[in-house]
Protein backbone atom coordinates (compact mmCIF):
# COMPACT_ATOMS: atom_id res chain seq x y z
CA MET A 1 11.17 -29.65 -3.59
CA THR A 2 14.29 -27.86 -4.71
CA ALA A 3 12.37 -24.66 -5.48
CA HIS A 4 10.82 -24.75 -2.01
CA LYS A 5 14.22 -25.06 -0.33
CA ALA A 6 15.68 -22.29 -2.45
CA PHE A 7 12.88 -19.86 -1.64
CA PRO A 8 14.35 -17.15 0.68
CA TYR A 9 11.28 -17.03 2.92
CA ALA A 10 12.96 -15.58 6.01
CA ARG A 11 14.73 -12.72 4.23
CA LEU A 12 11.71 -11.69 2.16
CA ALA A 13 9.41 -11.99 5.18
CA ALA A 14 11.80 -9.86 7.25
CA TYR A 15 11.92 -7.22 4.50
CA TYR A 16 8.14 -7.02 4.40
CA PHE A 17 8.14 -6.83 8.23
CA PHE A 18 10.38 -3.76 8.30
CA TYR A 19 8.86 -2.11 5.23
CA PHE A 20 5.38 -2.12 6.73
CA ALA A 21 6.69 -1.46 10.23
CA PHE A 22 7.76 1.91 8.86
CA ILE A 23 4.19 2.54 7.68
CA GLY A 24 2.92 1.43 11.10
CA ALA A 25 5.09 3.97 12.86
CA PHE A 26 4.74 6.71 10.24
CA SER A 27 1.13 6.80 8.98
CA PRO A 28 -0.79 6.85 12.28
CA TYR A 29 1.57 9.16 14.20
CA PHE A 30 3.47 11.47 11.86
CA GLY A 31 0.31 13.55 11.41
CA LEU A 32 0.11 13.93 15.19
CA TYR A 33 3.74 15.10 15.20
CA LEU A 34 2.93 17.67 12.51
CA GLN A 35 -0.11 18.80 14.50
CA ALA A 36 2.13 19.20 17.57
CA ILE A 37 4.48 21.54 15.67
CA GLU A 38 1.42 23.57 14.65
CA PHE A 39 0.86 22.54 11.05
CA SER A 40 -2.69 23.16 9.77
CA ALA A 41 -4.91 20.37 8.44
CA LEU A 42 -4.30 21.61 4.89
CA ASP A 43 -0.51 21.63 5.45
CA ILE A 44 -0.67 18.13 6.94
CA GLY A 45 -2.69 16.86 3.97
CA LEU A 46 -0.30 18.54 1.53
CA LEU A 47 2.81 17.15 3.22
CA MET A 48 1.47 13.62 3.65
CA SER A 49 0.25 13.64 0.05
CA GLN A 50 3.90 13.77 -1.07
CA MET A 51 4.10 10.05 -0.25
CA GLN A 52 1.31 9.39 -2.72
CA LEU A 53 2.54 11.91 -5.29
CA MET A 54 5.95 10.25 -5.51
CA ARG A 55 4.24 6.86 -5.76
CA VAL A 56 2.88 8.09 -9.09
CA PHE A 57 6.40 8.65 -10.46
CA GLY A 58 8.86 6.56 -8.44
CA PRO A 59 7.55 3.04 -9.16
CA ASN A 60 7.14 3.81 -12.87
CA VAL A 61 10.65 5.20 -13.21
CA TRP A 62 12.24 2.28 -11.37
CA GLY A 63 9.96 -0.29 -13.05
CA TRP A 64 11.03 1.01 -16.47
CA VAL A 65 14.71 0.87 -15.48
CA VAL A 66 14.37 -2.73 -14.26
CA ASP A 67 12.44 -3.91 -17.32
CA ARG A 68 14.93 -2.19 -19.65
CA PHE A 69 18.30 -2.66 -17.91
CA GLY A 70 17.88 -4.90 -14.87
CA TYR A 71 19.58 -3.67 -11.65
CA ARG A 72 16.57 -4.72 -9.55
CA LEU A 73 18.48 -5.45 -6.34
CA ARG A 74 20.71 -2.40 -6.74
CA ILE A 75 17.64 -0.16 -6.94
CA ILE A 76 16.04 -1.82 -3.90
CA ARG A 77 19.23 -1.20 -1.92
CA LEU A 78 19.65 2.37 -3.18
CA ALA A 79 16.03 3.06 -2.21
CA GLY A 80 16.74 1.87 1.32
CA LEU A 81 19.78 4.14 1.66
CA ILE A 82 18.24 7.32 0.21
CA GLY A 83 14.97 6.74 2.08
CA LEU A 84 16.84 6.60 5.38
CA LEU A 85 18.88 9.73 4.63
CA GLY A 86 15.76 11.61 3.50
CA PHE A 87 13.87 10.80 6.67
CA VAL A 88 16.71 11.70 9.02
CA SER A 89 16.52 15.28 7.70
CA PHE A 90 13.19 15.71 9.54
CA PHE A 91 15.17 16.07 12.77
CA TRP A 92 16.38 19.47 11.52
CA LEU A 93 13.37 20.65 9.49
CA ASP A 94 10.24 22.34 10.84
CA ARG A 95 9.05 24.50 7.91
CA LEU A 96 6.75 23.34 5.12
CA PRO A 97 8.98 23.95 2.04
CA GLY A 98 11.97 22.02 3.41
CA MET A 99 9.76 19.21 4.71
CA LEU A 100 8.01 18.94 1.34
CA LEU A 101 11.37 18.47 -0.37
CA ALA A 102 12.60 15.92 2.17
CA MET A 103 9.32 13.99 1.96
CA ALA A 104 9.51 13.97 -1.84
CA VAL A 105 13.05 12.51 -1.80
CA LEU A 106 12.10 9.90 0.80
CA ALA A 107 8.93 8.90 -1.02
CA PHE A 108 10.44 8.78 -4.54
CA PHE A 109 12.97 6.14 -3.52
CA TRP A 110 11.03 4.36 -0.77
CA SER A 111 7.88 3.90 -2.88
CA GLY A 112 9.86 2.44 -5.78
CA ALA A 113 11.19 -0.44 -3.70
CA LEU A 114 7.96 -2.27 -2.86
CA PRO A 115 6.77 -3.10 -6.42
CA LEU A 116 10.26 -4.44 -7.16
CA VAL A 117 10.20 -6.61 -4.03
CA GLU A 118 6.69 -7.82 -4.94
CA MET A 119 8.04 -8.74 -8.39
CA LEU A 120 11.08 -10.43 -6.78
CA THR A 121 8.82 -12.43 -4.46
CA PHE A 122 6.64 -13.71 -7.32
CA ASP A 123 9.75 -14.55 -9.35
CA HIS A 124 11.00 -16.68 -6.46
CA LEU A 125 7.56 -18.30 -6.07
CA ARG A 126 7.29 -19.06 -9.81
CA GLU A 127 3.99 -20.92 -10.31
CA GLU A 128 3.13 -20.95 -6.58
CA GLY A 129 1.65 -17.45 -6.34
CA GLY A 130 -0.83 -18.67 -3.73
CA ARG A 131 2.08 -18.74 -1.25
CA TYR A 132 2.41 -14.95 -1.51
CA GLY A 133 -0.04 -14.39 1.37
CA PRO A 134 1.98 -16.28 4.02
CA VAL A 135 5.08 -14.23 3.04
CA ARG A 136 3.30 -10.87 2.79
CA VAL A 137 1.56 -11.46 6.13
CA TRP A 138 4.83 -10.58 7.90
CA GLY A 139 4.42 -7.05 6.61
CA SER A 140 1.15 -6.89 8.50
CA VAL A 141 2.83 -8.29 11.62
CA GLY A 142 5.50 -5.60 11.31
CA PHE A 143 2.81 -2.93 11.02
CA ILE A 144 1.10 -4.15 14.19
CA VAL A 145 4.31 -4.33 16.20
CA ALA A 146 5.30 -0.82 15.08
CA VAL A 147 1.90 0.80 15.58
CA LEU A 148 1.54 -0.64 19.10
CA ALA A 149 5.13 0.06 20.14
CA THR A 150 5.08 3.60 18.76
CA GLY A 151 1.71 4.32 20.38
CA LEU A 152 3.04 3.19 23.76
CA LEU A 153 6.25 5.15 23.20
CA LEU A 154 4.33 8.35 22.50
CA ASP A 155 2.33 7.98 25.71
CA PHE A 156 5.63 8.52 27.55
CA MET A 157 7.54 10.70 25.08
CA PRO A 158 6.83 13.91 23.16
CA PRO A 159 5.65 13.51 19.55
CA VAL A 160 9.25 13.75 18.26
CA GLY A 161 9.58 10.13 19.40
CA VAL A 162 7.97 9.09 16.11
CA LEU A 163 11.08 10.35 14.28
CA TRP A 164 13.34 8.09 16.35
CA ALA A 165 11.09 5.07 15.82
CA CYS A 166 10.93 5.55 12.04
CA THR A 167 14.68 6.12 11.75
CA LEU A 168 15.49 2.84 13.51
CA ILE A 169 13.04 0.95 11.31
CA LEU A 170 14.44 2.42 8.08
CA ALA A 171 17.97 1.49 9.20
CA GLY A 172 16.81 -2.10 9.66
CA LEU A 173 15.14 -2.04 6.25
CA LEU A 174 18.40 -0.97 4.61
CA LEU A 175 20.29 -3.86 6.23
CA LEU A 176 17.67 -6.33 5.00
CA ALA A 177 17.74 -4.88 1.48
CA LEU A 178 21.46 -5.70 1.40
CA SER A 179 20.66 -9.34 2.22
CA LEU A 180 17.99 -10.05 -0.42
CA PRO A 181 18.96 -12.63 -3.08
CA GLU A 182 18.07 -12.31 -6.76
CA ALA A 183 15.60 -14.82 -8.21
CA PRO A 184 16.78 -17.40 -10.77
CA PRO A 185 16.14 -16.20 -14.34
CA HIS A 186 12.93 -17.28 -16.05
CA PRO A 187 13.18 -19.21 -19.31
CA ALA A 188 12.68 -16.98 -22.32
CA GLY A 189 9.03 -16.78 -23.35
CA SER A 190 7.23 -15.54 -26.41
CA PRO A 191 7.64 -11.82 -27.13
CA ALA A 192 5.36 -9.63 -25.04
CA ALA A 193 2.87 -7.22 -26.51
CA PRO A 194 3.55 -3.51 -25.93
CA ILE A 195 2.39 -2.44 -22.51
CA MET A 196 -0.24 -0.05 -23.91
CA VAL A 197 -1.87 -3.00 -25.68
CA VAL A 198 -2.30 -4.69 -22.31
CA LEU A 199 -3.57 -1.50 -20.68
CA ARG A 200 -6.17 -0.89 -23.39
CA ARG A 201 -7.97 -4.11 -22.50
CA PRO A 202 -11.23 -3.16 -20.68
CA PRO A 203 -10.65 -5.56 -17.72
CA VAL A 204 -7.14 -4.19 -17.12
CA LEU A 205 -8.26 -0.57 -17.41
CA ALA A 206 -11.22 -1.25 -15.11
CA LEU A 207 -8.93 -2.89 -12.55
CA MET A 208 -6.49 0.03 -12.53
CA LEU A 209 -9.27 2.63 -12.24
CA ALA A 210 -11.02 0.66 -9.49
CA CYS A 211 -7.76 0.34 -7.55
CA THR A 212 -7.27 4.10 -7.89
CA ALA A 213 -10.77 4.64 -6.49
CA MET A 214 -10.13 2.28 -3.56
CA SER A 215 -6.89 4.04 -2.63
CA THR A 216 -8.65 7.42 -2.90
CA ALA A 217 -11.20 6.11 -0.42
CA HIS A 218 -8.37 5.15 1.96
CA GLY A 219 -6.43 8.41 1.50
CA GLY A 220 -8.24 10.34 4.22
CA PHE A 221 -8.18 7.30 6.49
CA TYR A 222 -4.38 7.03 6.44
CA VAL A 223 -3.85 10.76 6.97
CA PHE A 224 -6.63 11.73 9.39
CA PHE A 225 -7.93 8.61 11.17
CA SER A 226 -5.62 9.07 14.17
CA ILE A 227 -6.46 12.80 14.36
CA HIS A 228 -10.17 11.92 14.05
CA LEU A 229 -9.94 9.47 16.95
CA SER A 230 -7.82 11.85 19.05
CA ASP A 231 -10.34 14.67 18.54
CA HIS A 232 -13.04 12.37 19.95
CA GLY A 233 -11.12 11.51 23.10
CA TYR A 234 -9.27 8.32 22.18
CA GLY A 235 -5.82 7.98 23.78
CA LYS A 236 -2.73 7.14 21.77
CA ALA A 237 -2.59 3.57 23.09
CA MET A 238 -6.22 2.98 22.06
CA ILE A 239 -5.51 4.55 18.67
CA GLY A 240 -2.64 2.10 18.26
CA LEU A 241 -4.88 -0.81 19.28
CA LEU A 242 -7.51 0.17 16.71
CA TRP A 243 -4.90 0.41 13.96
CA SER A 244 -3.57 -2.98 15.06
CA LEU A 245 -7.01 -4.56 14.94
CA GLY A 246 -7.31 -3.54 11.30
CA VAL A 247 -4.02 -5.17 10.49
CA LEU A 248 -4.89 -8.31 12.50
CA ALA A 249 -7.92 -8.66 10.24
CA GLU A 250 -5.60 -8.14 7.28
CA ILE A 251 -3.27 -10.88 8.58
CA GLY A 252 -6.15 -13.33 8.87
CA VAL A 253 -7.13 -12.66 5.26
CA PHE A 254 -3.56 -13.01 3.97
CA LEU A 255 -3.22 -16.37 5.70
CA LEU A 256 -6.50 -17.53 4.17
CA MET A 257 -5.76 -16.25 0.66
CA PRO A 258 -4.34 -19.53 -0.76
CA ARG A 259 -7.59 -21.26 0.26
CA LEU A 260 -9.81 -18.35 -0.84
CA LEU A 261 -8.14 -18.16 -4.27
CA ARG A 262 -8.79 -21.87 -4.81
CA ARG A 263 -12.48 -21.47 -3.89
CA PHE A 264 -13.45 -18.03 -5.23
CA SER A 265 -12.64 -16.05 -8.34
CA LEU A 266 -10.56 -12.88 -8.17
CA ARG A 267 -13.62 -10.98 -9.37
CA ALA A 268 -15.74 -12.25 -6.48
CA ILE A 269 -13.06 -11.37 -3.93
CA LEU A 270 -12.67 -7.87 -5.39
CA LEU A 271 -16.44 -7.26 -5.41
CA VAL A 272 -16.80 -8.21 -1.74
CA SER A 273 -13.80 -6.02 -0.85
CA PHE A 274 -15.20 -2.94 -2.61
CA ALA A 275 -18.68 -3.53 -1.22
CA ALA A 276 -17.28 -3.59 2.34
CA ALA A 277 -15.66 -0.16 1.84
CA VAL A 278 -19.03 1.63 1.68
CA PRO A 279 -20.32 0.83 5.21
CA ARG A 280 -16.80 0.95 6.61
CA PHE A 281 -16.15 4.58 5.72
CA LEU A 282 -19.71 5.74 6.47
CA LEU A 283 -19.47 4.30 9.99
CA MET A 284 -15.95 5.67 10.41
CA GLY A 285 -17.20 9.19 9.83
CA TRP A 286 -20.55 9.19 11.60
CA ALA A 287 -20.20 6.66 14.46
CA VAL A 288 -16.73 7.45 15.81
CA ASP A 289 -17.96 7.87 19.41
CA SER A 290 -18.91 4.19 19.58
CA LEU A 291 -15.90 2.02 20.40
CA LEU A 292 -17.78 -1.12 19.34
CA THR A 293 -18.49 0.43 15.96
CA MET A 294 -14.84 1.40 15.56
CA LEU A 295 -13.90 -2.21 16.29
CA LEU A 296 -16.21 -3.31 13.46
CA VAL A 297 -14.83 -0.57 11.18
CA GLN A 298 -11.28 -1.73 11.69
CA SER A 299 -12.19 -5.40 11.30
CA LEU A 300 -13.43 -4.54 7.80
CA HIS A 301 -9.86 -3.50 6.92
CA GLY A 302 -9.21 -7.19 6.31
CA LEU A 303 -11.52 -6.92 3.31
CA THR A 304 -10.98 -3.35 2.11
CA PHE A 305 -7.21 -3.74 2.09
CA GLY A 306 -6.11 -7.33 2.77
CA ALA A 307 -8.39 -9.23 0.37
CA TYR A 308 -8.45 -6.35 -2.12
CA HIS A 309 -4.66 -6.00 -2.31
CA ALA A 310 -3.91 -9.72 -2.56
CA ALA A 311 -6.51 -10.16 -5.32
CA ALA A 312 -5.32 -7.06 -7.20
CA ILE A 313 -1.68 -8.19 -7.08
CA ALA A 314 -2.70 -11.61 -8.39
CA ALA A 315 -4.75 -10.00 -11.19
CA VAL A 316 -1.80 -7.83 -12.25
CA ASN A 317 0.38 -10.93 -12.44
CA GLN A 318 -2.26 -12.67 -14.58
CA TYR A 319 -2.54 -9.89 -17.12
CA PHE A 320 1.06 -8.71 -17.46
CA PRO A 321 3.62 -11.11 -19.00
CA GLN A 322 6.99 -11.68 -17.37
CA GLN A 323 8.76 -9.11 -19.58
CA LEU A 324 6.30 -6.37 -18.50
CA ARG A 325 5.64 -7.44 -14.93
CA GLY A 326 7.93 -4.83 -13.39
CA ARG A 327 6.02 -2.04 -15.09
CA GLY A 328 2.70 -3.77 -14.40
CA GLN A 329 3.36 -3.84 -10.66
CA ALA A 330 4.69 -0.27 -10.85
CA LEU A 331 1.52 0.91 -12.61
CA TYR A 332 -0.65 -0.79 -10.02
CA SER A 333 1.35 0.86 -7.24
CA SER A 334 1.51 4.31 -8.83
CA LEU A 335 -2.11 4.52 -9.98
CA SER A 336 -3.63 3.07 -6.83
CA PHE A 337 -1.37 3.92 -3.89
CA GLY A 338 0.10 6.88 -5.78
CA ALA A 339 -2.57 8.78 -7.72
CA GLY A 340 -5.46 7.43 -5.66
CA GLY A 341 -3.77 7.99 -2.33
CA LEU A 342 -2.68 11.46 -3.44
CA LEU A 343 -6.20 12.43 -4.45
CA GLY A 344 -7.63 11.06 -1.21
CA ALA A 345 -5.08 12.87 0.95
CA LEU A 346 -5.56 16.18 -0.88
CA LEU A 347 -9.36 16.00 -0.84
CA SER A 348 -9.47 15.10 2.85
CA GLY A 349 -6.99 17.88 3.74
CA LEU A 350 -8.99 20.39 1.67
CA PHE A 351 -12.41 19.51 3.09
CA TRP A 352 -11.57 18.32 6.62
CA GLU A 353 -12.12 21.67 8.33
CA PRO A 354 -14.97 23.13 6.21
CA TRP A 355 -16.95 19.87 5.82
CA GLY A 356 -16.06 17.92 8.93
CA ALA A 357 -14.96 14.31 9.27
CA GLY A 358 -18.38 12.76 8.62
CA TRP A 359 -18.73 14.15 5.11
CA VAL A 360 -15.07 13.52 4.25
CA PHE A 361 -15.45 9.82 5.06
CA ALA A 362 -18.83 9.76 3.25
CA LEU A 363 -16.94 10.92 0.15
CA ALA A 364 -14.55 8.01 0.71
CA ALA A 365 -17.54 5.64 0.69
CA VAL A 366 -18.59 7.07 -2.68
CA PHE A 367 -15.17 6.20 -4.13
CA GLY A 368 -15.51 2.66 -2.76
CA LEU A 369 -18.89 2.37 -4.53
CA LEU A 370 -17.36 3.67 -7.75
CA GLY A 371 -14.69 0.96 -7.62
CA PHE A 372 -17.37 -1.69 -7.04
CA CYS A 373 -19.25 -0.53 -10.15
CA LEU A 374 -16.09 -0.65 -12.29
CA ILE A 375 -15.26 -4.22 -11.21
CA TRP A 376 -18.88 -5.35 -11.60
CA ARG A 377 -19.26 -3.96 -15.10
CA TRP A 378 -15.88 -4.51 -16.76
CA PHE A 379 -13.48 -6.74 -14.84
CA ALA A 380 -12.95 -10.40 -15.73
CA GLU A 381 -9.95 -12.59 -14.98
CA ALA A 382 -7.35 -13.27 -17.64
CA GLY A 383 -8.19 -16.96 -17.71
CA ALA A 384 -11.88 -16.22 -18.05
CA THR A 385 -11.38 -13.95 -21.03
CA GLY A 386 -8.66 -15.98 -22.66
CA VAL A 387 -6.46 -12.89 -22.64
CA ARG A 388 -3.01 -12.70 -21.21
CA GLY A 389 -0.37 -10.16 -22.02
CA GLU A 390 1.75 -12.70 -23.86
CA ASN A 391 -1.05 -13.55 -26.28
CA LEU A 392 -2.32 -10.11 -27.22
CA PRO A 393 -1.98 -9.11 -30.86
CA GLU A 394 -0.36 -5.76 -31.38
CA ASN A 395 -3.52 -4.31 -32.93
CA ALA A 396 -5.80 -5.47 -30.09
């Protein structure tokens, strides 16, 4: 009972709300702003890919610092401050080189915060990881509120309105970062194996590669879905509603995750999630003119992101011991959302104009199938294999 009372639910939930509210205002609409100031599809893909590129480096740098020296809350707060200052510079920048630099600064700090907050949340939850979903769900609520509000705002304002919306959200995120409490220290455990020993295990390597493939599949979706819909006659309010539907499906899954994790294995949840990505992206590319089909496509987001992400986070926490969990979460973030998202954004930007949307999203479906094959062939849960990071011999 004491642990339940001490859990800072409201502050962590509010942080997730604002963190993902920024994504809700930024991801669907910043590309439209760049299009309005006459950036090409390749330039848009290159600029947006900076978010993913810095996710390769930022989380790993900050995860190493936390595992080695501590300073977790200081880094979360510094990330909030530098992220806000980096984004504000977009008000004065309209050329690619300067915007690339500003985006890199924003993304390097902003992307490093989330894995640390995920780690902080699990440290507060201790052995009650199933309660992660009801906390994380507020991030999805924040995304919906932001995507709807920003879509409505842009129906009455020029595209520069997205800069104002994102700035206000990042200011709120900084204030919440200042309020987060540190988790009580864990009792000292047995010495952890070196991180490369954990990573060399086939199930861990398969998980990381599959997550990279899934984020590659989503890369073009996050950068070009709004442009794709707009090119086929959807208004900004409808675009916002479709984004919101995807996150509503995600919310439903997050709320059900404690029950799903008791009933199904992580492997089963991951396999269903990857399998759903194949029809989702094929329909997204080839059936965009059907509103009913787009409703189905966005409903599948509950599986291809919500169930997938919650299961992947839980798997990372199974395989990486407490002493390595900061770097484990950072690796998951950097390889999946970083390297995978970067590859997806670059490929979609490169092929969007010569290939067309249908074939770009068909390529995304191929990456979803690749992830399914990796999980099917090599992934097993830590409990099923008898392997956890704490118990690995150094010569494993």
